[in-house]
Amino acid sequence: MGCWFRRSRSVQHVITIFVIFTSLVITSCYDEQSADQLDLTISAAASLADALGVIVQAYEDAHPNVELRINYAGSGTLARQIEQGAPVDVFLSASLSHMRSLVDEGLIDPHQVMLTNELVVIVPEDRQVTLTKLEDLLSDDIRTIAIGIPMTAPVGSYAREALEHVGIWEDILPKLVQGKDVRQVVQYVATGNTDAGIVYRSDIVPASGVKLAMPIEQMLHSRIEYMAGVVNHSEHREEAILFHQYISSSESRAVFERFGFSMQ
C-alpha cells in the first residue's frame, strides 16, 4: 500500500511539472503573438466612413498583424484632439485649414491634397421637391435644413460660405439644424427630421435614405480638399507611414472614386 502511494505521488508530480511546462509554452506563444500584434489609430473625417471602411478591411486582410482603430468625427474636432495629445497615428482631414494648423504647430509633417469632393443639397428619398438654386431653400416648402456645425465640421463651413455668397445666410438661419458631422446631417434628412440638408456628393450612397436635390456650384465656396498625414507623436511611425502610403495607392484610389470622390 505504501509503495503504491509513493508511485501515485510520483506520477502526480510528473503531471504537475508537465502542466506547468505546457502553460509556460502557451503563455510564451501568446506573448509572442501579442508582441507582433499592432494597433494603429486613424482619425478620419466622417464623410470618409463608407469608402475608408472598405479600404481598412482590405488593409487588415493583407496585414493580419495590424488592427486599425478608426475614429470618425468632424475634422475640427479631430484636429483639436490631436492638439491635446490624443494617441493618433494618421489623420485624414476634410479641411485644409485644420490640417494646416497642425502642420504649423509641428504635429504633422507637410502633406499633399489626396481627394476632392462636391457640395450638394439632399432631401429625403421619398420627398418630391424641385430646387434649382440655393435661394429656393427659403421656400415655405422647406421648413428645416440640416448643415454641419461650421466651426468644427468642414461640410458646415463650406455650406455657410455658399449661403453667404448668394446672400441668404442671415435669412436662412431660423431654418437651420446643425449636426456634429456630415453623417449626422445625412441622418437628420434620411429620418425626415429635416426637409433638406447640405452634404458632400459622396454621402449619397445606396440605402442612405436620401437623394440628390441639387448640386451646389463650386464657385460659391472654397475648394473641398482632403489631406492625410502621419502624426509626429505616433508611437508606430513606420507602420503609420505604410498605411498612409496605402491610402494613396491605386487600389485605394479606385475605392474612393467608387464612393463619389474625385482624385487630385
Protein backbone atom coordinates (compact mmCIF):
# COMPACT_ATOMS: atom_id res chain seq x y z
CA MET A 1 0.00 0.00 0.00
CA GLY A 2 2.82 2.39 0.92
CA CYS A 3 4.66 1.54 -2.30
CA TRP A 4 1.53 2.31 -4.40
CA PHE A 5 1.10 5.63 -2.59
CA ARG A 6 4.69 6.66 -3.33
CA ARG A 7 4.23 5.80 -7.04
CA SER A 8 0.99 7.79 -7.13
CA ARG A 9 2.69 10.81 -5.64
CA SER A 10 5.48 10.48 -8.21
CA VAL A 11 3.01 10.36 -11.11
CA GLN A 12 1.18 13.41 -9.78
CA HIS A 13 4.49 15.25 -9.53
CA VAL A 14 5.30 14.48 -13.18
CA ILE A 15 1.83 15.58 -14.28
CA THR A 16 2.17 18.83 -12.34
CA ILE A 17 5.53 19.59 -13.98
CA PHE A 18 4.04 18.81 -17.42
CA VAL A 19 1.08 21.13 -16.84
CA ILE A 20 3.33 23.96 -15.68
CA PHE A 21 5.66 23.49 -18.66
CA THR A 22 2.74 23.43 -21.10
CA SER A 23 1.29 26.59 -19.55
CA LEU A 24 4.62 28.37 -19.88
CA VAL A 25 4.91 27.39 -23.55
CA ILE A 26 1.35 28.55 -24.30
CA THR A 27 1.91 31.82 -22.42
CA SER A 28 5.18 32.37 -24.27
CA CYS A 29 3.49 31.82 -27.64
CA TYR A 30 0.63 34.12 -26.68
CA ASP A 31 3.03 36.86 -25.57
CA GLU A 32 4.95 36.48 -28.83
CA GLN A 33 1.75 36.83 -30.85
CA SER A 34 0.64 39.80 -28.75
CA ALA A 35 4.01 41.45 -29.30
CA ASP A 36 3.56 41.07 -33.04
CA GLN A 37 0.02 42.48 -32.97
CA LEU A 38 -0.08 46.18 -33.76
CA ASP A 39 -2.89 48.68 -33.25
CA LEU A 40 -2.99 51.88 -35.29
CA THR A 41 -5.43 54.69 -34.53
CA ILE A 42 -6.75 56.56 -37.57
CA SER A 43 -8.69 59.79 -37.08
CA ALA A 44 -10.75 60.48 -40.20
CA ALA A 45 -13.34 62.96 -41.42
CA ALA A 46 -16.81 61.43 -41.04
CA SER A 47 -17.52 61.81 -44.77
CA LEU A 48 -14.82 59.19 -45.48
CA ALA A 49 -16.51 56.45 -43.43
CA ASP A 50 -18.06 54.38 -46.24
CA ALA A 51 -15.04 54.34 -48.53
CA LEU A 52 -12.50 54.04 -45.74
CA GLY A 53 -14.38 51.09 -44.25
CA VAL A 54 -13.69 49.11 -47.44
CA ILE A 55 -10.06 50.23 -47.56
CA VAL A 56 -9.45 49.37 -43.91
CA GLN A 57 -10.85 45.87 -44.36
CA ALA A 58 -8.60 45.26 -47.37
CA TYR A 59 -5.55 46.52 -45.48
CA GLU A 60 -6.23 44.36 -42.43
CA ASP A 61 -6.74 41.31 -44.67
CA ALA A 62 -3.33 41.93 -46.22
CA HIS A 63 -1.71 42.71 -42.85
CA PRO A 64 -3.23 40.27 -40.29
CA ASN A 65 -0.94 41.55 -37.51
CA VAL A 66 -2.37 45.09 -37.82
CA GLU A 67 -5.66 46.28 -36.37
CA LEU A 68 -6.86 49.71 -37.48
CA ARG A 69 -8.96 51.60 -34.96
CA ILE A 70 -10.92 54.32 -36.75
CA ASN A 71 -12.15 57.47 -35.02
CA TYR A 72 -14.68 59.32 -37.22
CA ALA A 73 -15.78 62.89 -36.45
CA GLY A 74 -15.69 66.41 -37.83
CA SER A 75 -12.18 67.43 -38.89
CA GLY A 76 -12.11 70.32 -36.44
CA THR A 77 -12.97 68.04 -33.53
CA LEU A 78 -10.30 65.53 -34.58
CA ALA A 79 -7.65 68.24 -35.02
CA ARG A 80 -8.38 69.54 -31.52
CA GLN A 81 -7.98 66.02 -30.10
CA ILE A 82 -4.55 65.72 -31.73
CA GLU A 83 -3.54 69.12 -30.35
CA GLN A 84 -4.50 67.85 -26.89
CA GLY A 85 -2.23 64.82 -27.26
CA ALA A 86 -4.68 62.11 -28.30
CA PRO A 87 -2.80 58.91 -29.33
CA VAL A 88 -3.45 59.20 -33.06
CA ASP A 89 -1.20 57.74 -35.76
CA VAL A 90 -2.75 59.04 -39.02
CA PHE A 91 -5.12 61.96 -39.62
CA LEU A 92 -7.39 62.29 -42.66
CA SER A 93 -8.93 65.75 -42.84
CA ALA A 94 -11.66 67.29 -44.99
CA SER A 95 -10.37 70.76 -44.16
CA LEU A 96 -7.18 72.42 -45.37
CA SER A 97 -7.25 74.94 -42.52
CA HIS A 98 -7.44 72.31 -39.76
CA MET A 99 -4.63 70.29 -41.30
CA ARG A 100 -2.52 73.39 -41.88
CA SER A 101 -2.83 74.41 -38.21
CA LEU A 102 -1.45 71.02 -37.14
CA VAL A 103 1.44 71.37 -39.61
CA ASP A 104 2.19 74.87 -38.32
CA GLU A 105 2.29 73.50 -34.75
CA GLY A 106 4.73 70.78 -35.80
CA LEU A 107 2.26 68.00 -35.02
CA ILE A 108 2.03 66.66 -38.58
CA ASP A 109 4.52 66.71 -41.45
CA PRO A 110 3.74 68.69 -44.62
CA HIS A 111 1.09 66.94 -46.68
CA GLN A 112 -0.48 66.82 -50.12
CA VAL A 113 -4.10 67.01 -51.25
CA MET A 114 -5.39 63.48 -51.76
CA LEU A 115 -9.07 63.80 -52.75
CA THR A 116 -11.66 66.39 -53.69
CA ASN A 117 -15.43 66.44 -53.28
CA GLU A 118 -18.53 68.44 -54.19
CA LEU A 119 -21.25 70.09 -52.13
CA VAL A 120 -24.90 69.18 -52.78
CA VAL A 121 -28.38 69.65 -51.38
CA ILE A 122 -30.17 66.44 -50.39
CA VAL A 123 -33.78 65.66 -49.44
CA PRO A 124 -35.47 62.53 -48.03
CA GLU A 125 -35.64 59.73 -50.60
CA ASP A 126 -39.45 59.81 -50.77
CA ARG A 127 -39.69 63.63 -50.95
CA GLN A 128 -40.79 65.31 -54.19
CA VAL A 129 -39.24 68.74 -54.39
CA THR A 130 -37.75 70.88 -57.14
CA LEU A 131 -34.74 73.03 -56.33
CA THR A 132 -32.74 74.90 -58.97
CA LYS A 133 -30.81 77.41 -56.87
CA LEU A 134 -29.86 77.91 -53.22
CA GLU A 135 -32.40 80.70 -52.85
CA ASP A 136 -35.14 78.07 -53.31
CA LEU A 137 -34.29 76.84 -49.80
CA LEU A 138 -36.13 79.93 -48.49
CA SER A 139 -39.36 78.49 -49.85
CA ASP A 140 -42.14 77.70 -47.36
CA ASP A 141 -41.99 74.10 -48.60
CA ILE A 142 -38.58 73.77 -46.93
CA ARG A 143 -39.13 74.33 -43.22
CA THR A 144 -35.87 72.91 -41.83
CA ILE A 145 -32.37 72.42 -43.30
CA ALA A 146 -29.54 70.41 -41.77
CA ILE A 147 -25.92 71.53 -42.06
CA GLY A 148 -22.76 70.65 -40.14
CA ILE A 149 -21.60 72.89 -37.31
CA PRO A 150 -19.44 75.39 -39.25
CA MET A 151 -16.79 75.72 -36.52
CA THR A 152 -15.95 72.00 -36.31
CA ALA A 153 -17.45 70.25 -39.36
CA PRO A 154 -15.94 71.41 -42.67
CA VAL A 155 -19.15 70.48 -44.53
CA GLY A 156 -20.91 73.12 -42.43
CA SER A 157 -18.20 75.69 -43.13
CA TYR A 158 -18.49 75.10 -46.88
CA ALA A 159 -22.30 75.32 -46.63
CA ARG A 160 -22.11 78.63 -44.79
CA GLU A 161 -19.72 80.01 -47.42
CA ALA A 162 -22.14 79.10 -50.22
CA LEU A 163 -25.18 80.52 -48.43
CA GLU A 164 -23.31 83.73 -47.62
CA HIS A 165 -22.10 84.00 -51.20
CA VAL A 166 -25.68 84.13 -52.52
CA GLY A 167 -26.69 86.46 -49.67
CA ILE A 168 -29.21 84.30 -47.80
CA TRP A 169 -27.24 83.17 -44.70
CA GLU A 170 -28.97 85.52 -42.27
CA ASP A 171 -32.42 84.82 -43.72
CA ILE A 172 -31.99 81.06 -43.58
CA LEU A 173 -30.61 80.87 -40.02
CA PRO A 174 -34.05 80.21 -38.39
CA LYS A 175 -34.41 77.08 -40.55
CA LEU A 176 -31.03 75.57 -39.76
CA VAL A 177 -30.48 72.44 -37.69
CA GLN A 178 -26.78 71.83 -37.05
CA GLY A 179 -25.20 68.37 -36.87
CA LYS A 180 -21.87 67.48 -35.28
CA ASP A 181 -20.62 65.98 -38.56
CA VAL A 182 -21.80 65.13 -42.06
CA ARG A 183 -23.05 61.68 -41.01
CA GLN A 184 -25.46 63.26 -38.56
CA VAL A 185 -26.64 65.71 -41.22
CA VAL A 186 -27.47 62.79 -43.53
CA GLN A 187 -29.29 61.04 -40.68
CA TYR A 188 -31.43 64.12 -39.97
CA VAL A 189 -32.55 64.19 -43.60
CA ALA A 190 -32.96 60.43 -44.03
CA THR A 191 -35.24 60.19 -40.98
CA GLY A 192 -37.34 63.16 -42.10
CA ASN A 193 -36.31 65.28 -39.13
CA THR A 194 -35.33 67.98 -41.62
CA ASP A 195 -36.68 68.72 -45.07
CA ALA A 196 -33.26 69.16 -46.68
CA GLY A 197 -29.56 69.11 -45.92
CA ILE A 198 -26.25 70.24 -47.35
CA VAL A 199 -23.64 67.48 -47.58
CA TYR A 200 -20.94 66.10 -49.86
CA ARG A 201 -21.83 64.28 -53.07
CA SER A 202 -20.02 61.20 -51.73
CA ASP A 203 -22.61 60.94 -48.93
CA ILE A 204 -25.35 59.97 -51.36
CA VAL A 205 -24.87 56.21 -51.28
CA PRO A 206 -27.32 53.30 -51.71
CA ALA A 207 -29.58 52.71 -48.71
CA SER A 208 -28.69 56.11 -47.23
CA GLY A 209 -32.34 57.18 -47.36
CA VAL A 210 -31.57 60.45 -49.16
CA LYS A 211 -31.38 61.64 -52.74
CA LEU A 212 -29.77 64.46 -54.66
CA ALA A 213 -31.96 67.55 -54.96
CA MET A 214 -29.41 69.95 -56.41
CA PRO A 215 -25.65 70.30 -56.85
CA ILE A 216 -24.09 73.49 -55.47
CA GLU A 217 -21.82 75.44 -57.78
CA GLN A 218 -18.20 75.03 -56.71
CA MET A 219 -17.53 78.72 -57.32
CA LEU A 220 -19.75 79.51 -54.31
CA HIS A 221 -17.37 78.02 -51.72
CA SER A 222 -13.76 77.07 -51.09
CA ARG A 223 -12.41 74.02 -52.88
CA ILE A 224 -13.23 70.85 -50.92
CA GLU A 225 -9.94 69.03 -50.39
CA TYR A 226 -8.96 66.02 -48.31
CA MET A 227 -5.47 65.57 -46.91
CA ALA A 228 -3.81 62.76 -44.96
CA GLY A 229 -0.78 62.97 -42.69
CA VAL A 230 1.16 60.93 -40.15
CA VAL A 231 1.01 62.42 -36.66
CA ASN A 232 4.52 63.17 -35.38
CA HIS A 233 3.90 61.80 -31.88
CA SER A 234 2.81 58.42 -33.28
CA GLU A 235 4.44 55.53 -31.42
CA HIS A 236 4.26 53.40 -34.58
CA ARG A 237 5.59 55.84 -37.14
CA GLU A 238 6.94 53.32 -39.67
CA GLU A 239 3.68 51.35 -39.73
CA ALA A 240 1.68 54.59 -39.90
CA ILE A 241 3.69 55.66 -42.94
CA LEU A 242 2.93 52.32 -44.62
CA PHE A 243 -0.81 52.82 -44.11
CA HIS A 244 -0.54 56.41 -45.30
CA GLN A 245 1.10 55.15 -48.48
CA TYR A 246 -1.61 52.51 -48.92
CA ILE A 247 -4.48 55.02 -48.87
CA SER A 248 -2.74 56.79 -51.75
CA SER A 249 -2.30 53.60 -53.76
CA SER A 250 -4.15 52.77 -56.98
CA GLU A 251 -6.27 50.20 -55.10
CA SER A 252 -7.45 52.78 -52.58
CA ARG A 253 -7.96 55.44 -55.25
CA ALA A 254 -10.33 53.10 -57.08
CA VAL A 255 -12.38 52.65 -53.90
CA PHE A 256 -12.59 56.39 -53.24
CA GLU A 257 -13.72 57.03 -56.80
CA ARG A 258 -16.39 54.34 -56.48
CA PHE A 259 -17.80 56.21 -53.49
CA GLY A 260 -18.06 59.52 -55.31
CA PHE A 261 -14.75 61.22 -54.52
CA SER A 262 -12.54 62.78 -57.16
CA MET A 263 -8.80 62.21 -57.18
CA GLN A 264 -6.35 65.07 -57.03
